[in-house]
Amino acid sequence: MDGTTAAVEDEQTWIVSYSIRLDASWLTREARVTARTAAGRRETVLAGDGEGRWSVDGRRAVHLDGCLDVDLESSALTNTLPVHRLELAAGARAATPAAYVRALDLSAERLEQSYARLPDQGGRQRYRYAAPAFGFTCTLVYDESGLVLDYPGIAVRAR
């Protein structure tokens, strides 16, 4: 999965490009993230072993232990990864801590989050997403392929 996102946040312009490599189980195995800001260009590489252990730029990152997914602050697309990996039935819920990468400085931190599958509506998958550290909860809407259509306040996919 590759992508690029550009934004202005707190009067700072940034562009983030990324390449995420997954295994057959939708587990993140590697994320290469590059940011360009007024301060210059920066790159970081996260590597996961598929069992919840990570390294960041080749150094073991114990603060990310237990995370199976990467979540990029700069991309709504990364919210697709746990949805595919978990394959939750309607009514089921799962805690899914993620290795969260900040857009401006590419720092990686543990982000506690959860997904609860809601009944489909109009042929669309829906999940109640929560990231308590940000006091954020919303309903994410996905298409039939499991790609994010609507991430309230963050992104809406053009049709």
C-alpha atoms as a PDB file:
ATOM      1  CA  MET A   1       0.000   0.000   0.000  1.00  0.00           C
ATOM      2  CA  ASP A   2       1.492   3.328  -1.055  1.00  0.00           C
ATOM      3  CA  GLY A   3       0.192   6.836  -0.620  1.00  0.00           C
ATOM      4  CA  THR A   4       0.892  10.526  -0.264  1.00  0.00           C
ATOM      5  CA  THR A   5      -0.950  13.084   1.835  1.00  0.00           C
ATOM      6  CA  ALA A   6      -0.475  16.854   1.978  1.00  0.00           C
ATOM      7  CA  ALA A   7      -1.966  19.190   4.579  1.00  0.00           C
ATOM      8  CA  VAL A   8      -1.660  22.378   6.564  1.00  0.00           C
ATOM      9  CA  GLU A   9      -1.883  21.894  10.317  1.00  0.00           C
ATOM     10  CA  ASP A  10      -1.284  24.558  12.946  1.00  0.00           C
ATOM     11  CA  GLU A  11      -0.045  26.798  10.115  1.00  0.00           C
ATOM     12  CA  GLN A  12       2.608  24.212   9.147  1.00  0.00           C
ATOM     13  CA  THR A  13       2.543  22.664   5.685  1.00  0.00           C
ATOM     14  CA  TRP A  14       3.573  19.030   5.331  1.00  0.00           C
ATOM     15  CA  ILE A  15       3.613  16.238   2.793  1.00  0.00           C
ATOM     16  CA  VAL A  16       3.853  12.622   3.906  1.00  0.00           C
ATOM     17  CA  SER A  17       4.562   9.736   1.528  1.00  0.00           C
ATOM     18  CA  TYR A  18       4.474   6.147   2.663  1.00  0.00           C
ATOM     19  CA  SER A  19       4.806   2.552   1.631  1.00  0.00           C
ATOM     20  CA  ILE A  20       3.335  -0.123   3.886  1.00  0.00           C
ATOM     21  CA  ARG A  21       4.100  -3.806   3.394  1.00  0.00           C
ATOM     22  CA  LEU A  22       1.593  -6.322   4.766  1.00  0.00           C
ATOM     23  CA  ASP A  23       1.653 -10.088   5.047  1.00  0.00           C
ATOM     24  CA  ALA A  24      -1.183 -12.374   3.892  1.00  0.00           C
ATOM     25  CA  SER A  25      -2.961 -11.912   7.259  1.00  0.00           C
ATOM     26  CA  TRP A  26      -3.069  -8.103   6.902  1.00  0.00           C
ATOM     27  CA  LEU A  27      -0.383  -7.689   9.575  1.00  0.00           C
ATOM     28  CA  THR A  28       1.914  -4.717   9.044  1.00  0.00           C
ATOM     29  CA  ARG A  29       5.442  -5.934   8.444  1.00  0.00           C
ATOM     30  CA  GLU A  30       7.064  -2.672   7.369  1.00  0.00           C
ATOM     31  CA  ALA A  31       6.135   0.988   7.017  1.00  0.00           C
ATOM     32  CA  ARG A  32       8.482   3.429   5.269  1.00  0.00           C
ATOM     33  CA  VAL A  33       7.329   6.973   5.894  1.00  0.00           C
ATOM     34  CA  THR A  34       8.833  10.172   4.484  1.00  0.00           C
ATOM     35  CA  ALA A  35       7.807  13.677   5.547  1.00  0.00           C
ATOM     36  CA  ARG A  36       8.641  16.979   3.922  1.00  0.00           C
ATOM     37  CA  THR A  37       8.046  20.104   5.988  1.00  0.00           C
ATOM     38  CA  ALA A  38       9.486  23.609   6.159  1.00  0.00           C
ATOM     39  CA  ALA A  39      12.135  22.104   8.464  1.00  0.00           C
ATOM     40  CA  GLY A  40      13.262  19.698   5.730  1.00  0.00           C
ATOM     41  CA  ARG A  41      12.943  16.045   4.758  1.00  0.00           C
ATOM     42  CA  ARG A  42      12.746  13.228   7.296  1.00  0.00           C
ATOM     43  CA  GLU A  43      12.292   9.472   6.930  1.00  0.00           C
ATOM     44  CA  THR A  44      11.524   6.649   9.346  1.00  0.00           C
ATOM     45  CA  VAL A  45      11.106   2.894   8.953  1.00  0.00           C
ATOM     46  CA  LEU A  46       8.975   0.785  11.274  1.00  0.00           C
ATOM     47  CA  ALA A  47       9.345  -2.991  11.096  1.00  0.00           C
ATOM     48  CA  GLY A  48       6.923  -5.393  12.779  1.00  0.00           C
ATOM     49  CA  ASP A  49       7.482  -9.097  13.338  1.00  0.00           C
ATOM     50  CA  GLY A  50       3.763  -9.961  13.049  1.00  0.00           C
ATOM     51  CA  GLU A  51       3.627 -10.908  16.737  1.00  0.00           C
ATOM     52  CA  GLY A  52       3.549  -7.420  18.220  1.00  0.00           C
ATOM     53  CA  ARG A  53       7.237  -6.532  18.409  1.00  0.00           C
ATOM     54  CA  TRP A  54       8.607  -3.520  16.509  1.00  0.00           C
ATOM     55  CA  SER A  55      11.737  -1.685  15.607  1.00  0.00           C
ATOM     56  CA  VAL A  56      11.938   1.947  14.557  1.00  0.00           C
ATOM     57  CA  ASP A  57      14.876   2.835  12.333  1.00  0.00           C
ATOM     58  CA  GLY A  58      16.539  -0.454  13.283  1.00  0.00           C
ATOM     59  CA  ARG A  59      16.198   0.012  17.055  1.00  0.00           C
ATOM     60  CA  ARG A  60      13.878  -2.151  19.162  1.00  0.00           C
ATOM     61  CA  ALA A  61      10.781  -0.145  20.205  1.00  0.00           C
ATOM     62  CA  VAL A  62       9.393  -1.833  23.335  1.00  0.00           C
ATOM     63  CA  HIS A  63       6.818   0.940  23.807  1.00  0.00           C
ATOM     64  CA  LEU A  64       5.043  -0.485  20.728  1.00  0.00           C
ATOM     65  CA  ASP A  65       4.859  -4.068  22.067  1.00  0.00           C
ATOM     66  CA  GLY A  66       1.469  -5.611  21.363  1.00  0.00           C
ATOM     67  CA  CYS A  67       0.675  -3.421  18.366  1.00  0.00           C
ATOM     68  CA  LEU A  68      -0.128  -5.331  15.187  1.00  0.00           C
ATOM     69  CA  ASP A  69      -1.002  -2.395  12.933  1.00  0.00           C
ATOM     70  CA  VAL A  70       0.566   0.882  11.911  1.00  0.00           C
ATOM     71  CA  ASP A  71      -1.653   3.968  11.940  1.00  0.00           C
ATOM     72  CA  LEU A  72      -0.430   7.090  10.176  1.00  0.00           C
ATOM     73  CA  GLU A  73      -1.711  10.428  11.452  1.00  0.00           C
ATOM     74  CA  SER A  74      -1.572  11.570   7.841  1.00  0.00           C
ATOM     75  CA  SER A  75      -3.746   8.830   6.307  1.00  0.00           C
ATOM     76  CA  ALA A  76      -7.299   7.565   6.798  1.00  0.00           C
ATOM     77  CA  LEU A  77      -6.333   4.567   4.664  1.00  0.00           C
ATOM     78  CA  THR A  78      -4.442   2.913   7.535  1.00  0.00           C
ATOM     79  CA  ASN A  79      -7.775   2.434   9.350  1.00  0.00           C
ATOM     80  CA  THR A  80      -8.467  -0.213   6.707  1.00  0.00           C
ATOM     81  CA  LEU A  81      -5.733  -2.510   8.033  1.00  0.00           C
ATOM     82  CA  PRO A  82      -7.301  -3.663  11.329  1.00  0.00           C
ATOM     83  CA  VAL A  83     -10.744  -3.927   9.714  1.00  0.00           C
ATOM     84  CA  HIS A  84      -9.430  -6.442   7.183  1.00  0.00           C
ATOM     85  CA  ARG A  85      -7.268  -8.256   9.717  1.00  0.00           C
ATOM     86  CA  LEU A  86     -10.010  -8.623  12.331  1.00  0.00           C
ATOM     87  CA  GLU A  87     -12.969  -9.518  10.079  1.00  0.00           C
ATOM     88  CA  LEU A  88     -15.377  -8.658  12.899  1.00  0.00           C
ATOM     89  CA  ALA A  89     -18.986  -9.838  12.765  1.00  0.00           C
ATOM     90  CA  ALA A  90     -21.734  -7.286  13.433  1.00  0.00           C
ATOM     91  CA  GLY A  91     -21.876  -6.609  17.174  1.00  0.00           C
ATOM     92  CA  ALA A  92     -18.257  -7.675  17.819  1.00  0.00           C
ATOM     93  CA  ARG A  93     -15.622  -5.324  19.220  1.00  0.00           C
ATOM     94  CA  ALA A  94     -11.819  -5.503  19.411  1.00  0.00           C
ATOM     95  CA  ALA A  95      -9.115  -3.431  21.062  1.00  0.00           C
ATOM     96  CA  THR A  96      -6.386  -2.796  18.497  1.00  0.00           C
ATOM     97  CA  PRO A  97      -3.455  -0.755  19.750  1.00  0.00           C
ATOM     98  CA  ALA A  98      -1.421   0.641  16.874  1.00  0.00           C
ATOM     99  CA  ALA A  99       2.045   2.002  16.192  1.00  0.00           C
ATOM    100  CA  TYR A 100       0.931   5.588  15.544  1.00  0.00           C
ATOM    101  CA  VAL A 101       3.214   7.765  13.405  1.00  0.00           C
ATOM    102  CA  ARG A 102       2.915  11.549  13.733  1.00  0.00           C
ATOM    103  CA  ALA A 103       2.965  13.549  10.486  1.00  0.00           C
ATOM    104  CA  LEU A 104       5.264  16.439  11.392  1.00  0.00           C
ATOM    105  CA  ASP A 105       8.133  14.659  13.153  1.00  0.00           C
ATOM    106  CA  LEU A 106       7.444  10.975  12.268  1.00  0.00           C
ATOM    107  CA  SER A 107       7.657   9.986  15.923  1.00  0.00           C
ATOM    108  CA  ALA A 108       6.080   6.604  16.681  1.00  0.00           C
ATOM    109  CA  GLU A 109       3.944   6.089  19.754  1.00  0.00           C
ATOM    110  CA  ARG A 110       1.479   3.518  20.991  1.00  0.00           C
ATOM    111  CA  LEU A 111      -2.130   4.492  20.332  1.00  0.00           C
ATOM    112  CA  GLU A 112      -4.861   2.592  22.146  1.00  0.00           C
ATOM    113  CA  GLN A 113      -7.864   2.284  19.875  1.00  0.00           C
ATOM    114  CA  SER A 114     -10.832   0.014  19.261  1.00  0.00           C
ATOM    115  CA  TYR A 115     -13.224  -0.966  16.503  1.00  0.00           C
ATOM    116  CA  ALA A 116     -16.795  -2.187  17.040  1.00  0.00           C
ATOM    117  CA  ARG A 117     -18.635  -3.557  13.998  1.00  0.00           C
ATOM    118  CA  LEU A 118     -22.051  -2.016  13.534  1.00  0.00           C
ATOM    119  CA  PRO A 119     -24.801  -3.432  11.321  1.00  0.00           C
ATOM    120  CA  ASP A 120     -24.153  -2.685   7.652  1.00  0.00           C
ATOM    121  CA  GLN A 121     -26.222   0.122   6.202  1.00  0.00           C
ATOM    122  CA  GLY A 122     -26.985   0.526   2.511  1.00  0.00           C
ATOM    123  CA  GLY A 123     -24.430  -2.149   1.637  1.00  0.00           C
ATOM    124  CA  ARG A 124     -21.715  -0.259   3.532  1.00  0.00           C
ATOM    125  CA  GLN A 125     -19.689  -1.645   6.418  1.00  0.00           C
ATOM    126  CA  ARG A 126     -19.733   0.543   9.521  1.00  0.00           C
ATOM    127  CA  TYR A 127     -17.478   0.542  12.565  1.00  0.00           C
ATOM    128  CA  ARG A 128     -17.529   2.558  15.764  1.00  0.00           C
ATOM    129  CA  TYR A 129     -13.923   3.707  16.126  1.00  0.00           C
ATOM    130  CA  ALA A 130     -12.485   5.064  19.364  1.00  0.00           C
ATOM    131  CA  ALA A 131      -9.081   6.571  20.192  1.00  0.00           C
ATOM    132  CA  PRO A 132      -9.427   7.568  23.877  1.00  0.00           C
ATOM    133  CA  ALA A 133      -6.071   9.420  23.995  1.00  0.00           C
ATOM    134  CA  PHE A 134      -7.580  11.985  21.624  1.00  0.00           C
ATOM    135  CA  GLY A 135     -11.059  11.847  23.171  1.00  0.00           C
ATOM    136  CA  PHE A 136     -12.167  10.791  19.694  1.00  0.00           C
ATOM    137  CA  THR A 137     -15.011   8.491  18.707  1.00  0.00           C
ATOM    138  CA  CYS A 138     -16.761   8.288  15.342  1.00  0.00           C
ATOM    139  CA  THR A 139     -18.485   5.950  12.933  1.00  0.00           C
ATOM    140  CA  LEU A 140     -16.243   4.935  10.033  1.00  0.00           C
ATOM    141  CA  VAL A 141     -17.936   3.868   6.809  1.00  0.00           C
ATOM    142  CA  TYR A 142     -16.256   1.435   4.400  1.00  0.00           C
ATOM    143  CA  ASP A 143     -17.100   0.315   0.868  1.00  0.00           C
ATOM    144  CA  GLU A 144     -17.636  -3.303  -0.192  1.00  0.00           C
ATOM    145  CA  SER A 145     -13.848  -3.733  -0.539  1.00  0.00           C
ATOM    146  CA  GLY A 146     -13.223  -2.545   3.014  1.00  0.00           C
ATOM    147  CA  LEU A 147     -11.749   0.840   2.035  1.00  0.00           C
ATOM    148  CA  VAL A 148     -12.640   3.951   4.040  1.00  0.00           C
ATOM    149  CA  LEU A 149     -15.388   6.055   2.461  1.00  0.00           C
ATOM    150  CA  ASP A 150     -16.101   8.403   5.343  1.00  0.00           C
ATOM    151  CA  TYR A 151     -13.937   9.252   8.355  1.00  0.00           C
ATOM    152  CA  PRO A 152     -15.904  12.124   9.963  1.00  0.00           C
ATOM    153  CA  GLY A 153     -13.862  15.258  10.463  1.00  0.00           C
ATOM    154  CA  ILE A 154     -10.806  13.681   8.843  1.00  0.00           C
ATOM    155  CA  ALA A 155     -11.495  12.456   5.291  1.00  0.00           C
ATOM    156  CA  VAL A 156     -14.225  11.676   2.792  1.00  0.00           C
ATOM    157  CA  ARG A 157     -13.403   9.681  -0.312  1.00  0.00           C
ATOM    158  CA  ALA A 158     -14.506  11.372  -3.537  1.00  0.00           C
ATOM    159  CA  ARG A 159     -16.678   9.154  -5.629  1.00  0.00           C
END
